[in-house]
Amino acid sequence: MHDDDDSISSPGGEPSIGDLIARRLSRRSALLGIAGTAAAAVAGSGPASAQKTGPSSFTFGEVAHVNDAMHHVPDGYEVQVLIRWGDPVLADAAAFDPANLSAVTQAKQFGYNNDFLGLHPLPPGSTANDRFLMVVNHEYTNSNLMLAGIGEGREARLRADRRQAEIEMAAHGGAVIEIAREGRRWNVVEGSRYARRIDANTPMRVAGPAAGDARMKTSGDPSGTRVSGMFNNCAGGETPWGTWLTCEENFHVYFQGEQAKHPDQVLAKRYGLGRAPSYAWGKYFDRFDLDKEPNEPNRFGWIVEIDPYDPQWTPAKRTALGRFAHEGCHHAVAKDGRVVCYMGDDARMEYVYKFVTARPWSPTDRAANRDLLDDGTLYVARFDADGRVVWLPLVHGQGPLTAANGFTSQADVVIGARRAADLLKATPMDRPEDIEPNRVNGRVYVALSNNGSRKPEEVNAANPRPKNDHGHILEITPKDGDHAASEGVWEIFIAAGEPGKHAGTKYHPATSANGWLTCPDNVAFDSKGRLWIATDSAEIAGIADGLYACDVAGEGRALPRQFFAAPKGAEVCGPIFTPDDRTLFLAIQHPGEGKGSTFETPSTRWPDFKDGQPPRPAVIAITKKDGGPIGS
């Protein structure tokens, strides 16, 4: 998440008082009855509040809390840098030269600030462990670290000239690369026919209920169905039919202009438009100037579907899934075969969503799934104090979503999803980040990064700490184990922060001095269904961001152990395992970010450590030296 984006546009929801938390815990046993088979399947794990002291299933030597220029892994493991900012993606890409950057060369090279990672097997549909298409988000650019002479802070970035702005635009978006394992090493396959860069200018189409709506039309696109590019793509996901879902997050920071002049004041305010921009793009391109193109921001903040196996297929913005600051989009398959996508709006006091397709997916006809995500129901979550989660449908004509409240169509609902969720009195959360279903135990894990702005009178049962600087993780059990169900039960799995120092922490009692964490961001699961937690902004607690391994069942439930520590200033993103658990890929984003760190004098020159060369965001592959599974 960009450091200039830490703001609130939510009006807040219905506040809950602290004593309702105790009532929720006392009623939890009764509520578990609605969870049916999913709860029974993991009943032996027990609630996090009643854990036994016992060992973790992980046997690696825990990494210590540090904050230095290098990355750290347990003894017996090794790290390989797979690909870095500026490395070639397309066959005719130029060699990386930080002193001679251009938009033309950057458009063929690996972009900046890699975030989400996805693995798509080759050949398609296989159970391969040694050959994949890797899809990568390039979220944003740290201009002060990638461009010489820019300096620090927003004002410095706004002095970027047109050439520099074009470089930034080319460094955003995403990439598709082919990777293969040869022996113990992973390599990027040069000249792959699948290799692709997507950036802020890549042609895309608008699909779903917002396509062609008046508020999607601009002078450059009077049809409201064609968009140039994507940016601030944070996390993502994949579909059962093998496409990539990439998520547009803090799109509002790219637009200059005055909110007071915007034709739709309510919508502009709710989405944070009109604040000081973080980039100078609006100086040189009219579409990033609200005063000239007030509808352009409506064309961002969506889930984008891309087919990594077909470079000629035009990416589609799937508007049925709603418009907000999308963090991720991970799926589960409901009992009847419909696809359920879980999503978080990554801003303080925003909401948790899911989308359920109208019809089942076809395992045998990939073409039949092409537009499956254009028709279905979008829901927003209400977390009740008694431990129940209720999914509220965001459907035009139902409840308050009528013309009387400014909703004349489903297009109005999805374009203004935040305001629709406000009217349904969804639960305002502490920055919903990654939300991912666990395919082993059937539960859903919600990473809530932090919310230092929550006031004591604004706490609710699912977000019980005022000034929650360290975040927490919720665990949701769908009713009857069916992800399409309209309700389920929830509990707090981990409440982050340093035990004994930060109020309200919750871990297994055997958590070590190196096992506590802060600001959970991305999550992943290994083949055993064990939870891996990546953090963002851990320097608030004086430590580096890291990756933590944690059981979700048994004696080690909610006992995190630190597996990886990032270099100074870096965020750990996109954890993903090969199916055999023998390689773990991580995206190391913005190494060297922080006060006083610039292109000329960075706090680290990771991963190359070459004099005169800036730090470079990179994807790394972690393996065991003895070839064993990760975590052992």
Foldseek 3Di string as FASTA:
>chain_A
DDPVPADALAPAFDFDAQVLLVLQVVLVVVQQVLLAPLCVVFVQFPALVDFFADDDPFDFDFDFFAAFFFKDFTPQKDKDFAFFQQAFQAQPADHDDLVDDFLVNLLGTAAAFWFAWDWADPPGPDQDQFKTWIKTFHAFDPCQQRHPPQDDDLVSQLPDDPRSLSNRQSRGGMWIWIWGDDPNDIYTDRNDPLTHGFGQFAKAFEFADQFQPCLLAWPVRNRSTIHGGAHNFHYEEADPLAKTKTFGALPQLQAEEALVPAPDNSLCSSNVHRPHHSHNVCVPDVLRYCVRTVSSVLVYQFIWIGHSVDPVDHIYGQLQQAGARWAYWYWDAFPQQWIKTWTFRFHFQFWTKIWTFPHHDDPVDSVVCPNRSNHTWMWTWAQASNFKIFTHTQAQPPDPNYVVVPHPHVSVCRSRVRVSVNNVRHGGAQGWADWYAQPQSLKIKTWRFFDQCADSSRADNVRNDHRGQFTFMKIWRARNSGPVHRMTGMDTQFRADQPPPDPDTRANPPADNRFGGGGWHYWDAALNRWIKTWHDPRCVVPGATFIWTFGCGDNGRRRTGTRMGRHHPWGWHHWDASNQQFKIKIWTHDHQDDPPAGNQRGSYQPPPRDHSGGRITTMMIMGRPVSDHPSD
